[in-house]
């Protein structure tokens, strides 16, 4: 729901319907709406980084692996795979301007992405560092 509607537009009744939980169960599992969002957002960021590492560690030249990863990112952003769009960008636009905790999490996420892309690559590796820097710059807009 957060992915589709954004944090603010998602109500507790929306979450109850989407999770098929009763109100008491939702509050027992998660203190409040924000706790549920935080768990979902952190899981989303971790799974995205895991997919990135898996793709970048796969077969093919470093340039081919980076291209494959960027293709996955583009498909995810478009909603072609996964959810409707990119939750990190949605949070960046909706919450990061007013919530320091979200800005810190996104900054840490992009630091990890940049460090992963900036690792030493075999000769002829392609533009790993510039890709990371471009992604980081686009997240600050």
Foldseek 3Di string as FASTA:
>chain_A
DCQVQNLVRQDPVNVCVVVVHDPVVVCVVAVDSVRVVVVVVVVLLVVLVVVLLVLCPDDDALVVSVVVNVVVQVCQQCCVDDHHHDSLLSCLVPPVVPDVVSVVVSVVSLVVQLVSLPPDGPPPNPDSNVVSVVVVVVSVD
